[in-house]
C-alpha atoms as a PDB file:
ATOM      1  CA  MET A   1      27.752   5.573   6.979  1.00  0.00           C
ATOM      2  CA  ALA A   2      25.941   2.817   8.884  1.00  0.00           C
ATOM      3  CA  ASP A   3      26.250   4.614  12.228  1.00  0.00           C
ATOM      4  CA  ARG A   4      24.919   7.926  10.877  1.00  0.00           C
ATOM      5  CA  LEU A   5      21.775   9.092  12.691  1.00  0.00           C
ATOM      6  CA  VAL A   6      18.761   9.600  10.456  1.00  0.00           C
ATOM      7  CA  PRO A   7      16.089  12.050  11.631  1.00  0.00           C
ATOM      8  CA  LEU A   8      12.860  10.327  12.622  1.00  0.00           C
ATOM      9  CA  GLY A   9      10.834  12.172   9.988  1.00  0.00           C
ATOM     10  CA  GLU A  10      13.017  10.819   7.175  1.00  0.00           C
ATOM     11  CA  LYS A  11      12.823   7.157   8.204  1.00  0.00           C
ATOM     12  CA  ARG A  12      10.671   4.722   6.264  1.00  0.00           C
ATOM     13  CA  LEU A  13       7.923   2.838   8.082  1.00  0.00           C
ATOM     14  CA  MET A  14       9.870  -0.425   7.981  1.00  0.00           C
ATOM     15  CA  ASP A  15      12.831   1.232   9.743  1.00  0.00           C
ATOM     16  CA  VAL A  16      10.813   2.713  12.617  1.00  0.00           C
ATOM     17  CA  LYS A  17      10.880   0.850  15.930  1.00  0.00           C
ATOM     18  CA  LEU A  18       7.591   0.166  17.702  1.00  0.00           C
ATOM     19  CA  GLY A  19       8.334   2.660  20.486  1.00  0.00           C
ATOM     20  CA  GLU A  20       8.996   5.430  17.939  1.00  0.00           C
ATOM     21  CA  LEU A  21       5.813   4.792  15.959  1.00  0.00           C
ATOM     22  CA  THR A  22       3.664   7.503  17.581  1.00  0.00           C
ATOM     23  CA  SER A  23       6.426  10.098  17.201  1.00  0.00           C
ATOM     24  CA  TRP A  24       6.955   9.051  13.591  1.00  0.00           C
ATOM     25  CA  LEU A  25       3.220   9.374  12.855  1.00  0.00           C
ATOM     26  CA  GLY A  26       3.353  12.868  14.334  1.00  0.00           C
ATOM     27  CA  THR A  27       5.897  13.910  11.699  1.00  0.00           C
ATOM     28  CA  ARG A  28       3.690  12.769   8.783  1.00  0.00           C
ATOM     29  CA  ASP A  29       1.686  15.238   6.713  1.00  0.00           C
ATOM     30  CA  PHE A  30      -2.003  14.264   6.910  1.00  0.00           C
ATOM     31  CA  THR A  31      -3.366  17.218   4.981  1.00  0.00           C
ATOM     32  CA  PRO A  32      -5.212  16.408   1.733  1.00  0.00           C
ATOM     33  CA  ASN A  33      -2.238  17.683  -0.264  1.00  0.00           C
ATOM     34  CA  GLY A  34       0.182  15.617   1.834  1.00  0.00           C
ATOM     35  CA  LEU A  35      -1.906  12.473   1.361  1.00  0.00           C
ATOM     36  CA  LEU A  36      -2.077  13.093  -2.379  1.00  0.00           C
ATOM     37  CA  ASN A  37       1.714  13.494  -2.508  1.00  0.00           C
ATOM     38  CA  GLY A  38       2.123  10.225  -0.597  1.00  0.00           C
ATOM     39  CA  ILE A  39      -0.114   8.388  -3.048  1.00  0.00           C
ATOM     40  CA  ARG A  40       1.813   9.918  -5.946  1.00  0.00           C
ATOM     41  CA  ARG A  41       5.150   8.835  -4.437  1.00  0.00           C
ATOM     42  CA  GLY A  42       3.809   5.315  -3.917  1.00  0.00           C
ATOM     43  CA  HIS A  43       2.586   5.133  -7.499  1.00  0.00           C
ATOM     44  CA  ASP A  44       5.925   6.371  -8.826  1.00  0.00           C
ATOM     45  CA  ARG A  45       7.783   3.862  -6.675  1.00  0.00           C
ATOM     46  CA  TYR A  46       5.578   0.969  -7.867  1.00  0.00           C
ATOM     47  CA  TYR A  47       5.751   2.057 -11.506  1.00  0.00           C
ATOM     48  CA  ASN A  48       9.538   2.360 -11.503  1.00  0.00           C
ATOM     49  CA  LYS A  49      10.052  -0.938  -9.676  1.00  0.00           C
ATOM     50  CA  TYR A  50       7.645  -3.217 -11.551  1.00  0.00           C
ATOM     51  CA  ILE A  51       6.429  -1.585 -14.774  1.00  0.00           C
ATOM     52  CA  ASN A  52       9.168   0.708 -16.101  1.00  0.00           C
ATOM     53  CA  VAL A  53      11.999  -1.851 -16.302  1.00  0.00           C
ATOM     54  CA  LYS A  54      14.231  -3.052 -19.143  1.00  0.00           C
ATOM     55  CA  LYS A  55      13.343  -6.739 -18.883  1.00  0.00           C
ATOM     56  CA  GLY A  56       9.773  -6.586 -17.689  1.00  0.00           C
ATOM     57  CA  SER A  57       7.275  -9.374 -17.373  1.00  0.00           C
ATOM     58  CA  ILE A  58       3.625  -9.726 -16.496  1.00  0.00           C
ATOM     59  CA  GLY A  59       4.439  -9.703 -12.748  1.00  0.00           C
ATOM     60  CA  GLY A  60       3.745  -6.035 -12.028  1.00  0.00           C
ATOM     61  CA  VAL A  61       0.430  -5.975 -13.853  1.00  0.00           C
ATOM     62  CA  ALA A  62      -0.562  -9.356 -12.376  1.00  0.00           C
ATOM     63  CA  MET A  63       0.027  -8.008  -8.854  1.00  0.00           C
ATOM     64  CA  LEU A  64      -2.290  -5.101  -9.589  1.00  0.00           C
ATOM     65  CA  LEU A  65      -4.987  -7.422 -10.945  1.00  0.00           C
ATOM     66  CA  VAL A  66      -4.750  -9.792  -7.972  1.00  0.00           C
ATOM     67  CA  GLY A  67      -5.073  -6.841  -5.606  1.00  0.00           C
ATOM     68  CA  TYR A  68      -8.124  -5.615  -7.498  1.00  0.00           C
ATOM     69  CA  VAL A  69      -9.760  -9.057  -7.356  1.00  0.00           C
ATOM     70  CA  ALA A  70      -9.047  -9.363  -3.620  1.00  0.00           C
ATOM     71  CA  ILE A  71     -10.489  -5.932  -2.849  1.00  0.00           C
ATOM     72  CA  SER A  72     -13.570  -6.642  -4.989  1.00  0.00           C
ATOM     73  CA  TYR A  73     -14.125  -9.916  -3.136  1.00  0.00           C
ATOM     74  CA  ILE A  74     -13.788  -8.214   0.247  1.00  0.00           C
ATOM     75  CA  TRP A  75     -16.259  -5.485  -0.755  1.00  0.00           C
ATOM     76  CA  GLY A  76     -18.783  -8.027  -2.044  1.00  0.00           C
ATOM     77  CA  TYR A  77     -18.294 -10.631   0.688  1.00  0.00           C
ATOM     78  CA  ASP A  78     -21.429  -9.668   2.637  1.00  0.00           C
ATOM     79  CA  HIS A  79     -23.580 -10.248  -0.440  1.00  0.00           C
ATOM     80  CA  ILE A  80     -21.779 -13.528  -1.248  1.00  0.00           C
ATOM     81  CA  LYS A  81     -22.196 -14.728   2.346  1.00  0.00           C
ATOM     82  CA  HIS A  82     -25.964 -14.205   2.250  1.00  0.00           C
ATOM     83  CA  ASP A  83     -26.253 -15.977  -1.112  1.00  0.00           C
ATOM     84  CA  ARG A  84     -24.813 -19.165   0.393  1.00  0.00           C
ATOM     85  CA  TRP A  85     -27.825 -19.680   2.647  1.00  0.00           C
ATOM     86  CA  ARG A  86     -30.508 -18.643   0.127  1.00  0.00           C
ATOM     87  CA  LYS A  87     -32.734 -21.391  -1.274  1.00  0.00           C
ATOM     88  CA  TYR A  88     -33.393 -21.334  -4.998  1.00  0.00           C
ATOM     89  CA  HIS A  89     -36.473 -23.575  -5.098  1.00  0.00           C
END
């Protein structure tokens, strides 16, 4: 089974070599429906791996919250940066 050839379109991103990256991107579906299906598959994968488990913990939800905080900080960084140099007197 290990020496079986997998078509390039069925490989995951982590299994694609750097030289095959452009060909692999060419096999992806970048239509709005294809992007929506990719987001749905990613959500299902995340939900089944971290949320929908028998012995779950706060880890899956905590990862989501940390990601939200990081993205919010990145979006607001320009405003925060300008506040550092503002004088309040």
